[in-house]
């Protein structure tokens, strides 16, 4: 996605960050419910390690980033509707 000219670098990073946030949430829920995950499999890297592995700043606040990205998408949709594209 980052190599695709159809995506701005910031949008690609936001999509990667959103995916990471959702995956970590799902894994956390599965561990909480004990869905057959062994203790060894229950280990998860730190958020900072995941962020660095994905080329994102390790200090990124995922919740804040996603809130900002959601607002950006809402504004973009309003603009596109206003000009008749959506």
Protein backbone atom coordinates (compact mmCIF):
# COMPACT_ATOMS: atom_id res chain seq x y z
CA UNK A 1 0.00 0.00 0.00
CA UNK A 2 2.84 2.37 0.79
CA UNK A 3 4.28 1.78 -2.69
CA UNK A 4 0.92 2.42 -4.39
CA UNK A 5 0.61 5.92 -5.84
CA UNK A 6 -3.14 5.81 -5.19
CA UNK A 7 -2.49 6.19 -1.45
CA UNK A 8 -0.94 9.17 0.25
CA UNK A 9 1.81 8.08 2.66
CA UNK A 10 -0.16 9.39 5.65
CA UNK A 11 -3.30 7.51 4.56
CA UNK A 12 -1.33 4.29 4.10
CA UNK A 13 0.18 4.69 7.57
CA UNK A 14 -3.24 5.39 9.06
CA UNK A 15 -4.70 2.27 7.44
CA UNK A 16 -1.80 0.17 8.75
CA UNK A 17 -2.24 1.68 12.21
CA UNK A 18 -5.99 1.02 12.17
CA UNK A 19 -5.39 -2.59 11.16
CA UNK A 20 -2.84 -3.04 13.94
CA UNK A 21 -5.24 -1.54 16.48
CA UNK A 22 -8.06 -3.87 15.37
CA UNK A 23 -5.81 -6.96 15.37
CA UNK A 24 -4.45 -6.20 18.84
CA UNK A 25 -7.99 -5.66 20.09
CA UNK A 26 -9.16 -8.98 18.64
CA UNK A 27 -6.17 -10.84 20.06
CA UNK A 28 -6.71 -9.25 23.45
CA UNK A 29 -10.37 -10.28 23.43
CA UNK A 30 -9.49 -13.85 22.44
CA UNK A 31 -6.96 -14.05 25.28
CA UNK A 32 -9.48 -12.66 27.75
CA UNK A 33 -12.08 -15.21 26.72
CA UNK A 34 -9.52 -18.03 26.73
CA UNK A 35 -10.34 -19.30 23.28
CA UNK A 36 -7.93 -22.20 23.43
CA UNK A 37 -4.84 -20.03 23.38
CA UNK A 38 -1.98 -21.60 25.30
CA UNK A 39 0.18 -19.55 27.63
CA UNK A 40 3.04 -19.63 25.11
CA UNK A 41 0.78 -18.44 22.30
CA UNK A 42 -0.76 -15.76 24.52
CA UNK A 43 2.41 -13.64 24.43
CA UNK A 44 2.05 -10.51 22.33
CA UNK A 45 4.79 -8.02 21.40
CA UNK A 46 4.62 -4.60 22.98
CA UNK A 47 2.74 -1.95 21.06
CA UNK A 48 5.98 -0.04 20.48
CA UNK A 49 7.59 -3.16 18.98
CA UNK A 50 4.61 -3.70 16.67
CA UNK A 51 4.64 -0.06 15.59
CA UNK A 52 8.37 -0.12 14.83
CA UNK A 53 8.05 -3.40 12.88
CA UNK A 54 5.38 -1.73 10.74
CA UNK A 55 7.47 1.38 10.14
CA UNK A 56 5.36 3.58 12.40
CA UNK A 57 6.64 5.80 15.22
CA UNK A 58 6.90 3.71 18.41
CA UNK A 59 5.36 6.53 20.46
CA UNK A 60 2.23 6.71 18.26
CA UNK A 61 -1.03 6.94 20.22
CA UNK A 62 -3.29 4.64 18.18
CA UNK A 63 -6.55 5.89 19.70
CA UNK A 64 -5.67 9.54 19.05
CA UNK A 65 -4.41 8.78 15.54
CA UNK A 66 -7.57 6.85 14.68
CA UNK A 67 -9.82 9.62 16.05
CA UNK A 68 -8.00 12.17 13.89
CA UNK A 69 -8.17 9.89 10.84
CA UNK A 70 -11.89 9.27 11.37
CA UNK A 71 -12.53 13.02 11.50
CA UNK A 72 -10.49 13.49 8.33
CA UNK A 73 -12.59 10.86 6.56
CA UNK A 74 -15.84 12.47 7.72
CA UNK A 75 -14.70 15.84 6.40
CA UNK A 76 -13.58 14.33 3.09
CA UNK A 77 -16.95 12.60 2.66
CA UNK A 78 -18.79 15.86 3.37
CA UNK A 79 -16.67 17.67 0.81
CA UNK A 80 -17.21 15.00 -1.83
CA UNK A 81 -20.98 15.04 -1.21
CA UNK A 82 -21.04 18.84 -1.41
CA UNK A 83 -19.48 18.79 -4.89
CA UNK A 84 -21.71 15.94 -6.05
CA UNK A 85 -19.12 13.19 -6.28
CA UNK A 86 -20.80 11.00 -3.64
